[in-house]
Amino acid sequence: MDSTSVADRYLAELAVWDPIAAQALGQDPHVLVPDLSPEAFAAKEAIAREALTRLSTNDILGAALEDRLEADIALSEAGFTTRLLAPLFTPVHLVRRVIADLPRDHPARIEDNLAAVPAALAGYQDTLRASAARGHIAPRRQALLVARQSESWVDFYRDLPGGQAAATATVEFARFLTNELAPLAPSEDAVGTDLYTRTARAFLGTTIDLADTYAYGWAELRRLSAEIADVAREISPDGVDAAIAELDQSQGPAVLGWLRDRVAATTDALDGTHFDIPPATRNVECHIDATAGVMYYVPPDPQLTRPGRVYWTPDSTATWRAVTTLHHESLPGHHLQHAIAMTQPLHPWQRALCHVHGYAEGWAHYAEHLADELGLITGPAERLGLLLGRMWRAARVVIDIGLHVGPAIPAGTGFTEAETWTPAVARQFLVDVARLDPTSARFEVDRYLGWPAQALAFTTGARLWHEIRAAYHHTDLKRFHMDALRLGPMGLDPLRAALTSRS
């Protein structure tokens, strides 16, 4: 079958189990809380396998679909999909996100979705039990982390009209993780080379050389460390730590107003000059999320009834540090990527369901570099924040590979005297090298341990985006960016093939 027919059928079959797929088809499901039962996971895997057998053409859509189907099946076969627990964006987080994103002017819909939360959490308990019975179980650290997070969401549910049952179910889910699953879970956090290779391939949409990537991470750390020292001297003659302390002690602007003004100014600076932003998706809202551990972005819904949103956590650092993350999450990062792709004549599956971390996070980290290249980063304070952000992402590469695969820490790096990676070494590395605060460093390491290889999507993804740009047939930067983003999300192998085949 041709790729469009396969994608049509795949999406239609998936829509029976996935509300987001139904939305992509133009439907408006009243309840958006997903089915997380073992039957739902098994059905979606079977649908993916059947679609892969039908796919016979290798145009751009076909290549993108084949890459994702193969990645989804590989993760399912490895038991990763049905055991997933981590402190960020797992099925449990999706349930809460659905409720948080529902428009508050439709109370009946909110109550009906809240009523679906107990069944969703009970279904995921059954999925995790069945997965554990097959020998696939997330490490104990992840079970306990998600249990604590779930406990922190109880008041969020309870404070909503009709939310008591959802609050009670969340308490029960946390108790299940703590009392039933955690005692069965392994204490070892590392997933090993085999599973790590699979997750890396899935997250990036390409196969990488882990040894080369590990060496590249260390090279980036050395290069960035020298740049940081140079910029810091423009702020304080006493070095990097003194420059950071001076900036942190200065009075910054009111965060939410700064966030909104910066996003609006960036939009105006980019639109029509460096990008053509579709009017339907030009707007991006900025909000505060008191429960989040990091700044994050939520794209518009498939029907474009809700704008993209950037969320800032009140515990975030000063604005000079967060400029690079702001550009990562909004423009020219995640929001711009979605703003362009969601208005293209892409297949609904690709526009709404083709999620590739190397493509998305790689672009967003590439966009941090691009923000600097296009003059959006001004003054030594913002430049120091930019470089510290890059240092953090480069540190992710060596830490993530180090924790899961186990290569030694090279001698004489100047960054740590440790010889092997442990969570404690990784946390201290982020504090000392990337200048993260201890709380953020702990959250980061927990995240790496729960999502093996996802941390590669940033620096490694950006590296691959730069390589694709260098191989592109035309030197006009706006043309490259618009051509690339109009193709829509896909693995980095299909993206490279689609852009460089035009050379």
Protein backbone atom coordinates (compact mmCIF):
# COMPACT_ATOMS: atom_id res chain seq x y z
CA MET A 1 0.00 0.00 0.00
CA ASP A 2 1.11 3.59 -0.57
CA SER A 3 2.24 5.51 2.50
CA THR A 4 -0.82 7.79 2.68
CA SER A 5 -3.22 4.85 2.68
CA VAL A 6 -1.19 3.07 5.35
CA ALA A 7 -1.03 6.20 7.49
CA ASP A 8 -4.77 6.77 7.06
CA ARG A 9 -5.62 3.28 8.20
CA TYR A 10 -3.06 3.30 11.01
CA LEU A 11 -4.42 6.56 12.39
CA ALA A 12 -8.04 5.41 12.14
CA GLU A 13 -7.30 2.19 14.02
CA LEU A 14 -5.21 4.02 16.61
CA ALA A 15 -8.01 6.55 17.20
CA VAL A 16 -10.10 3.80 18.81
CA TRP A 17 -7.54 3.71 21.65
CA ASP A 18 -5.90 7.13 21.58
CA PRO A 19 -7.87 10.41 21.98
CA ILE A 20 -5.01 12.40 20.43
CA ALA A 21 -5.25 10.25 17.31
CA ALA A 22 -8.99 10.88 17.25
CA GLN A 23 -8.35 14.62 17.49
CA ALA A 24 -5.88 14.36 14.62
CA LEU A 25 -8.69 12.91 12.51
CA GLY A 26 -10.81 15.97 13.23
CA GLN A 27 -12.93 14.32 15.90
CA ASP A 28 -13.62 16.00 19.22
CA PRO A 29 -13.58 13.33 21.93
CA HIS A 30 -15.34 14.56 25.02
CA VAL A 31 -12.99 12.57 27.27
CA LEU A 32 -9.28 12.97 26.54
CA VAL A 33 -7.90 10.95 29.44
CA PRO A 34 -6.18 7.97 27.77
CA ASP A 35 -6.74 4.26 28.26
CA LEU A 36 -3.59 2.95 29.97
CA SER A 37 -4.66 -0.66 30.40
CA PRO A 38 -2.62 -3.66 29.19
CA GLU A 39 -5.25 -4.21 26.49
CA ALA A 40 -4.70 -0.70 25.14
CA PHE A 41 -0.92 -1.10 24.99
CA ALA A 42 -1.23 -4.50 23.32
CA ALA A 43 -3.73 -3.18 20.79
CA LYS A 44 -1.53 -0.24 19.84
CA GLU A 45 1.49 -2.49 19.36
CA ALA A 46 -0.53 -4.84 17.15
CA ILE A 47 -1.79 -1.90 15.09
CA ALA A 48 1.80 -0.69 14.60
CA ARG A 49 3.02 -4.12 13.52
CA GLU A 50 0.22 -4.51 11.02
CA ALA A 51 0.84 -1.04 9.58
CA LEU A 52 4.52 -1.81 9.11
CA THR A 53 3.72 -4.94 7.10
CA ARG A 54 1.47 -2.91 4.77
CA LEU A 55 3.97 -0.13 4.11
CA SER A 56 5.58 -0.55 0.69
CA THR A 57 6.50 2.96 -0.50
CA ASN A 58 9.38 5.04 0.80
CA ASP A 59 8.44 8.64 0.08
CA ILE A 60 8.93 11.24 2.84
CA LEU A 61 5.79 10.22 4.72
CA GLY A 62 6.57 6.54 4.29
CA ALA A 63 10.12 6.97 5.58
CA ALA A 64 8.92 8.95 8.59
CA LEU A 65 6.21 6.40 9.38
CA GLU A 66 8.51 3.41 8.96
CA ASP A 67 11.09 4.97 11.30
CA ARG A 68 8.49 5.57 14.04
CA LEU A 69 6.76 2.22 13.71
CA GLU A 70 10.06 0.37 13.96
CA ALA A 71 11.10 2.47 16.97
CA ASP A 72 7.78 1.94 18.77
CA ILE A 73 7.88 -1.80 18.17
CA ALA A 74 11.50 -2.06 19.33
CA LEU A 75 10.73 -0.28 22.61
CA SER A 76 7.63 -2.39 23.12
CA GLU A 77 9.57 -5.62 22.49
CA ALA A 78 12.16 -4.52 25.04
CA GLY A 79 9.43 -3.94 27.63
CA PHE A 80 10.35 -0.28 27.94
CA THR A 81 6.98 1.13 26.91
CA THR A 82 4.91 -0.79 29.45
CA ARG A 83 7.25 -0.28 32.40
CA LEU A 84 7.82 3.45 31.94
CA LEU A 85 8.11 5.47 35.12
CA ALA A 86 10.21 8.62 35.25
CA PRO A 87 9.85 12.10 36.77
CA LEU A 88 8.80 13.75 33.50
CA PHE A 89 6.24 13.13 30.73
CA THR A 90 5.29 9.50 31.31
CA PRO A 91 1.72 8.13 30.95
CA VAL A 92 0.96 9.22 34.52
CA HIS A 93 2.02 12.78 33.74
CA LEU A 94 -0.11 12.71 30.59
CA VAL A 95 -3.24 12.09 32.67
CA ARG A 96 -2.57 15.16 34.80
CA ARG A 97 -1.63 17.22 31.74
CA VAL A 98 -4.96 16.43 30.08
CA ILE A 99 -6.84 17.84 33.07
CA ALA A 100 -4.57 20.87 33.39
CA ASP A 101 -4.97 21.80 29.72
CA LEU A 102 -8.76 21.55 29.51
CA PRO A 103 -10.46 24.96 29.09
CA ARG A 104 -11.83 26.10 32.42
CA ASP A 105 -15.00 27.46 30.83
CA HIS A 106 -16.33 23.92 30.23
CA PRO A 107 -16.87 22.58 33.77
CA ALA A 108 -18.94 19.58 32.65
CA ARG A 109 -16.15 18.38 30.38
CA ILE A 110 -13.61 18.81 33.15
CA GLU A 111 -15.73 16.76 35.53
CA ASP A 112 -16.21 13.98 32.97
CA ASN A 113 -12.48 13.82 32.33
CA LEU A 114 -11.79 13.82 36.05
CA ALA A 115 -14.21 10.91 36.34
CA ALA A 116 -12.01 8.97 33.88
CA VAL A 117 -8.83 9.43 35.92
CA PRO A 118 -9.41 6.51 38.35
CA ALA A 119 -9.85 4.01 35.51
CA ALA A 120 -6.75 5.35 33.72
CA LEU A 121 -4.56 5.04 36.82
CA ALA A 122 -5.98 1.61 37.66
CA GLY A 123 -5.28 0.56 34.07
CA TYR A 124 -1.68 1.68 34.32
CA GLN A 125 -1.29 -0.22 37.58
CA ASP A 126 -2.40 -3.36 35.71
CA THR A 127 0.02 -2.56 32.87
CA LEU A 128 2.92 -2.14 35.28
CA ARG A 129 1.98 -5.38 37.09
CA ALA A 130 1.80 -7.33 33.83
CA SER A 131 5.09 -5.87 32.67
CA ALA A 132 6.76 -6.75 35.98
CA ALA A 133 5.50 -10.31 35.63
CA ARG A 134 7.37 -10.52 32.31
CA GLY A 135 10.54 -9.25 33.95
CA HIS A 136 10.24 -5.66 32.70
CA ILE A 137 10.16 -3.27 35.62
CA ALA A 138 11.52 0.24 36.09
CA PRO A 139 14.20 0.75 38.76
CA ARG A 140 13.09 1.32 42.33
CA ARG A 141 14.27 4.94 42.21
CA GLN A 142 11.76 5.74 39.44
CA ALA A 143 8.83 4.05 41.16
CA LEU A 144 9.42 6.04 44.34
CA LEU A 145 9.97 9.30 42.47
CA VAL A 146 6.71 9.02 40.57
CA ALA A 147 4.96 8.02 43.80
CA ARG A 148 6.11 11.25 45.42
CA GLN A 149 5.11 13.28 42.39
CA SER A 150 1.69 11.65 42.40
CA GLU A 151 1.24 12.56 46.03
CA SER A 152 2.04 16.18 45.18
CA TRP A 153 -0.81 16.21 42.62
CA VAL A 154 -3.53 15.17 45.06
CA ASP A 155 -4.48 18.74 45.98
CA PHE A 156 -4.53 19.73 42.30
CA TYR A 157 -7.27 17.16 41.68
CA ARG A 158 -9.08 17.70 44.97
CA ASP A 159 -9.37 21.44 44.40
CA LEU A 160 -11.28 20.93 41.13
CA PRO A 161 -15.07 20.47 41.19
CA GLY A 162 -15.71 16.74 40.95
CA GLY A 163 -12.06 15.93 41.52
CA GLN A 164 -12.26 13.93 44.76
CA ALA A 165 -12.35 10.53 43.04
CA ALA A 166 -9.33 11.49 40.93
CA ALA A 167 -7.52 12.63 44.08
CA THR A 168 -8.30 9.36 45.84
CA ALA A 169 -7.16 7.34 42.82
CA THR A 170 -3.92 9.28 42.75
CA VAL A 171 -3.29 8.46 46.40
CA GLU A 172 -3.97 4.79 45.64
CA PHE A 173 -1.63 4.86 42.65
CA ALA A 174 1.17 6.35 44.77
CA ARG A 175 0.54 3.66 47.39
CA PHE A 176 0.72 0.95 44.72
CA LEU A 177 4.08 2.25 43.49
CA THR A 178 5.50 2.51 46.99
CA ASN A 179 4.17 -0.65 48.58
CA GLU A 180 3.77 -3.09 45.70
CA LEU A 181 5.98 -2.17 42.75
CA ALA A 182 9.03 -0.62 44.42
CA PRO A 183 9.80 -3.75 46.53
CA LEU A 184 9.91 -5.78 43.30
CA ALA A 185 11.99 -3.27 41.38
CA PRO A 186 15.74 -3.55 40.84
CA SER A 187 18.02 -1.16 42.70
CA GLU A 188 20.32 -0.91 39.67
CA ASP A 189 19.57 2.21 37.61
CA ALA A 190 21.68 1.48 34.52
CA VAL A 191 19.85 -0.17 31.62
CA GLY A 192 22.98 -1.47 29.84
CA THR A 193 24.21 -1.15 26.27
CA ASP A 194 21.52 -3.23 24.54
CA LEU A 195 18.46 -1.33 25.80
CA TYR A 196 20.33 1.97 25.67
CA THR A 197 21.12 1.43 21.99
CA ARG A 198 17.42 0.82 21.32
CA THR A 199 16.26 3.87 23.24
CA ALA A 200 18.91 6.06 21.60
CA ARG A 201 17.77 4.92 18.16
CA ALA A 202 14.15 5.58 19.08
CA PHE A 203 14.74 8.99 20.64
CA LEU A 204 16.94 10.25 17.79
CA GLY A 205 15.57 8.55 14.71
CA THR A 206 19.10 7.62 13.72
CA THR A 207 21.88 5.30 14.89
CA ILE A 208 24.89 6.91 16.54
CA ASP A 209 28.32 5.73 17.63
CA LEU A 210 28.16 5.86 21.43
CA ALA A 211 31.94 6.06 21.88
CA ASP A 212 32.19 8.95 19.41
CA THR A 213 29.25 10.72 21.04
CA TYR A 214 30.79 10.32 24.51
CA ALA A 215 34.08 11.81 23.25
CA TYR A 216 32.20 14.65 21.56
CA GLY A 217 30.48 15.50 24.84
CA TRP A 218 33.82 15.84 26.61
CA ALA A 219 35.22 17.97 23.76
CA GLU A 220 32.21 20.30 24.01
CA LEU A 221 32.71 20.64 27.77
CA ARG A 222 36.34 21.68 27.28
CA ARG A 223 35.49 24.20 24.53
CA LEU A 224 32.58 25.74 26.42
CA SER A 225 34.54 25.98 29.67
CA ALA A 226 37.08 28.23 27.97
CA GLU A 227 34.34 30.42 26.46
CA ILE A 228 32.57 30.74 29.81
CA ALA A 229 35.78 31.92 31.48
CA ASP A 230 36.26 34.59 28.81
CA VAL A 231 32.71 35.94 29.10
CA ALA A 232 32.73 35.84 32.91
CA ARG A 233 35.75 38.17 32.94
CA GLU A 234 33.58 40.82 31.25
CA ILE A 235 31.31 40.72 34.32
CA SER A 236 33.80 40.19 37.14
CA PRO A 237 37.61 40.04 37.22
CA ASP A 238 37.33 37.36 39.91
CA GLY A 239 36.15 34.56 37.62
CA VAL A 240 33.07 32.55 36.79
CA ASP A 241 31.66 31.96 40.28
CA ALA A 242 32.04 35.63 41.17
CA ALA A 243 30.30 36.68 37.94
CA ILE A 244 27.41 34.31 38.63
CA ALA A 245 27.07 35.54 42.22
CA GLU A 246 27.05 39.16 41.07
CA LEU A 247 24.32 38.48 38.50
CA ASP A 248 22.22 36.42 40.90
CA GLN A 249 22.31 39.20 43.50
CA SER A 250 21.09 41.82 41.04
CA GLN A 251 17.40 42.66 40.99
CA GLY A 252 15.74 41.01 38.01
CA PRO A 253 12.45 41.90 36.33
CA ALA A 254 9.05 40.51 37.31
CA VAL A 255 9.22 37.06 35.80
CA LEU A 256 5.85 36.67 34.10
CA GLY A 257 5.96 40.13 32.53
CA TRP A 258 9.52 39.56 31.37
CA LEU A 259 8.57 36.20 29.91
CA ARG A 260 5.66 37.64 27.93
CA ASP A 261 7.58 40.67 26.71
CA ARG A 262 10.58 38.60 25.62
CA VAL A 263 8.46 36.11 23.70
CA ALA A 264 6.51 38.91 21.98
CA ALA A 265 9.69 40.78 21.03
CA THR A 266 11.31 37.61 19.72
CA THR A 267 8.25 36.81 17.63
CA ASP A 268 8.34 40.26 16.05
CA ALA A 269 12.08 39.99 15.38
CA LEU A 270 11.83 36.63 13.62
CA ASP A 271 8.55 36.81 11.73
CA GLY A 272 8.93 37.80 8.09
CA THR A 273 12.70 38.21 8.37
CA HIS A 274 14.15 34.87 9.37
CA PHE A 275 10.95 32.78 9.33
CA ASP A 276 7.41 33.05 8.05
CA ILE A 277 5.22 32.32 11.07
CA PRO A 278 1.63 31.33 10.20
CA PRO A 279 -0.85 33.79 11.75
CA ALA A 280 -2.98 30.92 13.13
CA THR A 281 -0.14 29.77 15.37
CA ARG A 282 1.77 33.00 15.89
CA ASN A 283 0.54 33.56 19.43
CA VAL A 284 2.11 31.82 22.41
CA GLU A 285 0.84 32.20 25.97
CA CYS A 286 3.09 32.36 29.03
CA HIS A 287 2.06 30.94 32.41
CA ILE A 288 3.41 29.98 35.82
CA ASP A 289 3.26 26.31 36.91
CA ALA A 290 4.03 25.94 40.60
CA THR A 291 4.32 22.13 40.35
CA ALA A 292 6.88 21.89 37.54
CA GLY A 293 10.56 21.24 38.04
CA VAL A 294 11.57 22.92 34.78
CA MET A 295 10.35 25.45 32.23
CA TYR A 296 8.40 23.60 29.53
CA TYR A 297 6.25 24.05 26.43
CA VAL A 298 2.87 22.64 25.47
CA PRO A 299 1.96 22.88 21.75
CA PRO A 300 -1.47 23.90 20.46
CA ASP A 301 -4.12 21.20 20.27
CA PRO A 302 -4.52 19.57 16.82
CA GLN A 303 -7.59 21.69 16.02
CA LEU A 304 -5.73 24.92 16.96
CA THR A 305 -8.42 25.94 19.44
CA ARG A 306 -5.76 26.52 22.14
CA PRO A 307 -2.48 28.39 21.56
CA GLY A 308 0.95 27.07 22.41
CA ARG A 309 1.97 27.71 26.00
CA VAL A 310 5.27 28.22 27.79
CA TYR A 311 5.25 27.39 31.52
CA TRP A 312 7.75 28.82 33.98
CA THR A 313 8.26 27.28 37.39
CA PRO A 314 8.50 29.76 40.30
CA ASP A 315 11.60 27.97 41.52
CA SER A 316 13.46 28.70 38.27
CA THR A 317 16.66 30.67 38.38
CA ALA A 318 17.11 34.36 37.52
CA THR A 319 16.05 35.52 34.08
CA TRP A 320 19.64 35.99 32.82
CA ARG A 321 20.17 32.26 33.26
CA ALA A 322 16.83 31.36 31.69
CA VAL A 323 17.13 33.29 28.42
CA THR A 324 18.50 30.29 26.56
CA THR A 325 15.78 28.02 27.95
CA LEU A 326 13.16 30.57 26.96
CA HIS A 327 14.40 30.52 23.36
CA HIS A 328 14.55 26.72 23.55
CA GLU A 329 10.93 26.42 24.64
CA SER A 330 9.36 29.25 22.63
CA LEU A 331 11.01 30.87 19.61
CA PRO A 332 12.99 29.95 17.63
CA GLY A 333 12.64 26.65 19.51
CA HIS A 334 9.68 24.39 20.21
CA HIS A 335 6.87 26.84 19.57
CA LEU A 336 8.21 27.96 16.20
CA GLN A 337 8.72 24.34 15.19
CA HIS A 338 5.11 23.50 16.02
CA ALA A 339 3.76 26.80 14.69
CA ILE A 340 5.07 26.03 11.22
CA ALA A 341 4.50 22.27 11.09
CA MET A 342 0.94 22.37 12.41
CA THR A 343 -0.23 24.56 9.53
CA GLN A 344 1.37 22.54 6.73
CA PRO A 345 -0.53 20.04 4.54
CA LEU A 346 1.07 17.17 6.42
CA HIS A 347 -0.62 13.88 7.07
CA PRO A 348 -2.57 14.17 10.35
CA TRP A 349 -0.51 11.34 11.85
CA GLN A 350 2.73 13.19 11.21
CA ARG A 351 1.44 16.54 12.36
CA ALA A 352 -0.02 15.31 15.66
CA LEU A 353 1.58 12.00 16.60
CA CYS A 354 5.07 11.80 15.11
CA HIS A 355 7.13 12.63 18.19
CA VAL A 356 10.92 12.30 17.82
CA HIS A 357 13.01 13.76 20.62
CA GLY A 358 16.14 14.15 18.48
CA TYR A 359 14.14 16.14 15.96
CA ALA A 360 12.25 18.28 18.50
CA GLU A 361 14.83 18.70 21.28
CA GLY A 362 17.65 18.73 18.76
CA TRP A 363 15.95 21.60 16.95
CA ALA A 364 15.26 23.44 20.20
CA HIS A 365 18.90 23.20 21.27
CA TYR A 366 19.98 24.16 17.75
CA ALA A 367 17.57 27.11 18.16
CA GLU A 368 19.51 28.26 21.21
CA HIS A 369 22.59 28.54 18.99
CA LEU A 370 20.46 30.18 16.30
CA ALA A 371 19.12 32.77 18.75
CA ASP A 372 22.70 33.83 19.35
CA GLU A 373 23.52 33.72 15.64
CA LEU A 374 20.55 35.99 14.84
CA GLY A 375 21.41 38.56 17.51
CA LEU A 376 18.72 37.70 20.06
CA ILE A 377 21.26 37.20 22.87
CA THR A 378 22.53 40.57 24.10
CA GLY A 379 25.16 41.51 26.65
CA PRO A 380 27.61 39.40 28.65
CA ALA A 381 25.02 38.30 31.25
CA GLU A 382 22.75 36.71 28.66
CA ARG A 383 25.75 35.24 26.86
CA LEU A 384 26.97 33.68 30.09
CA GLY A 385 23.50 32.21 30.61
CA LEU A 386 23.58 30.84 27.06
CA LEU A 387 26.97 29.22 27.53
CA LEU A 388 26.03 27.74 30.90
CA GLY A 389 22.94 26.25 29.23
CA ARG A 390 25.11 24.67 26.55
CA MET A 391 27.48 23.40 29.22
CA TRP A 392 24.54 21.76 30.96
CA ARG A 393 23.39 20.05 27.76
CA ALA A 394 26.90 18.84 26.98
CA ALA A 395 27.18 17.48 30.51
CA ARG A 396 23.99 15.53 29.85
CA VAL A 397 25.70 13.59 27.09
CA VAL A 398 28.63 12.30 29.13
CA ILE A 399 26.53 11.70 32.24
CA ASP A 400 23.74 9.85 30.45
CA ILE A 401 26.03 7.54 28.51
CA GLY A 402 28.25 7.17 31.55
CA LEU A 403 25.46 6.19 33.94
CA HIS A 404 23.76 3.70 31.62
CA VAL A 405 26.57 2.22 29.53
CA GLY A 406 29.47 2.60 31.95
CA PRO A 407 32.48 4.08 30.11
CA ALA A 408 35.17 5.37 32.44
CA ILE A 409 35.58 9.05 33.16
CA PRO A 410 38.75 10.11 31.30
CA ALA A 411 41.65 11.09 33.52
CA GLY A 412 42.70 14.71 33.66
CA THR A 413 39.46 16.32 32.48
CA GLY A 414 39.74 19.06 35.07
CA PHE A 415 36.03 18.67 35.81
CA THR A 416 35.99 15.78 38.29
CA GLU A 417 38.45 13.51 40.05
CA ALA A 418 35.99 10.59 39.94
CA GLU A 419 36.85 7.62 37.75
CA THR A 420 33.40 6.06 37.34
CA TRP A 421 29.89 7.45 37.10
CA THR A 422 27.39 7.16 39.94
CA PRO A 423 24.26 9.26 40.59
CA ALA A 424 26.13 11.16 43.30
CA VAL A 425 29.05 11.88 40.97
CA ALA A 426 26.64 12.99 38.25
CA ARG A 427 24.78 15.36 40.58
CA GLN A 428 28.00 16.94 41.79
CA PHE A 429 29.23 17.21 38.22
CA LEU A 430 26.13 19.24 37.27
CA VAL A 431 26.62 21.51 40.30
CA ASP A 432 30.33 22.06 39.68
CA VAL A 433 30.46 22.10 35.89
CA ALA A 434 27.04 23.30 34.72
CA ARG A 435 26.46 25.45 37.84
CA LEU A 436 23.05 23.93 38.53
CA ASP A 437 21.67 24.23 42.03
CA PRO A 438 21.62 20.93 43.98
CA THR A 439 17.83 20.51 43.71
CA SER A 440 17.86 20.93 39.92
CA ALA A 441 20.87 18.65 39.63
CA ARG A 442 19.06 15.90 41.53
CA PHE A 443 15.97 16.27 39.33
CA GLU A 444 18.14 16.13 36.20
CA VAL A 445 19.98 12.96 37.18
CA ASP A 446 16.74 11.25 38.19
CA ARG A 447 15.36 12.19 34.78
CA TYR A 448 18.38 10.73 32.94
CA LEU A 449 18.08 7.50 34.88
CA GLY A 450 14.38 7.16 34.06
CA TRP A 451 14.64 8.07 30.38
CA PRO A 452 17.83 6.41 29.11
CA ALA A 453 19.26 8.21 26.04
CA GLN A 454 16.60 10.94 25.96
CA ALA A 455 19.25 13.34 27.27
CA LEU A 456 21.21 12.80 24.05
CA ALA A 457 18.43 14.43 22.05
CA PHE A 458 19.63 17.94 22.93
CA THR A 459 23.33 18.34 22.17
CA THR A 460 23.53 15.29 19.92
CA GLY A 461 20.32 16.25 18.14
CA ALA A 462 21.62 19.80 17.60
CA ARG A 463 24.90 18.40 16.30
CA LEU A 464 22.96 16.38 13.73
CA TRP A 465 20.82 19.41 12.79
CA HIS A 466 24.03 21.38 12.14
CA GLU A 467 25.34 18.51 10.00
CA ILE A 468 22.13 18.45 7.97
CA ARG A 469 22.31 22.23 7.52
CA ALA A 470 25.89 21.92 6.26
CA ALA A 471 24.83 19.26 3.75
CA TYR A 472 21.83 21.27 2.50
CA HIS A 473 22.05 22.32 -1.14
CA HIS A 474 21.35 26.05 -0.67
CA THR A 475 23.16 28.64 1.43
CA ASP A 476 20.09 30.77 2.21
CA LEU A 477 19.47 30.23 5.93
CA LYS A 478 15.79 31.16 5.93
CA ARG A 479 15.18 28.77 3.04
CA PHE A 480 16.86 25.90 4.89
CA HIS A 481 14.89 26.52 8.07
CA MET A 482 11.54 26.87 6.33
CA ASP A 483 12.16 23.81 4.11
CA ALA A 484 13.18 21.74 7.13
CA LEU A 485 10.30 22.76 9.39
CA ARG A 486 7.70 22.51 6.64
CA LEU A 487 8.65 18.85 6.21
CA GLY A 488 7.26 18.28 9.69
CA PRO A 489 8.51 16.07 12.51
CA MET A 490 10.38 12.87 11.71
CA GLY A 491 13.45 10.92 12.66
CA LEU A 492 16.77 12.53 11.86
CA ASP A 493 17.65 9.87 9.27
CA PRO A 494 14.49 10.55 7.21
CA LEU A 495 14.99 14.30 7.67
CA ARG A 496 18.56 14.15 6.39
CA ALA A 497 17.50 12.07 3.41
CA ALA A 498 14.62 14.40 2.54
CA LEU A 499 16.72 17.57 2.69
CA THR A 500 19.99 16.36 1.19
CA SER A 501 18.39 14.39 -1.65
CA ARG A 502 17.54 17.75 -3.17
CA SER A 503 21.25 18.56 -3.57
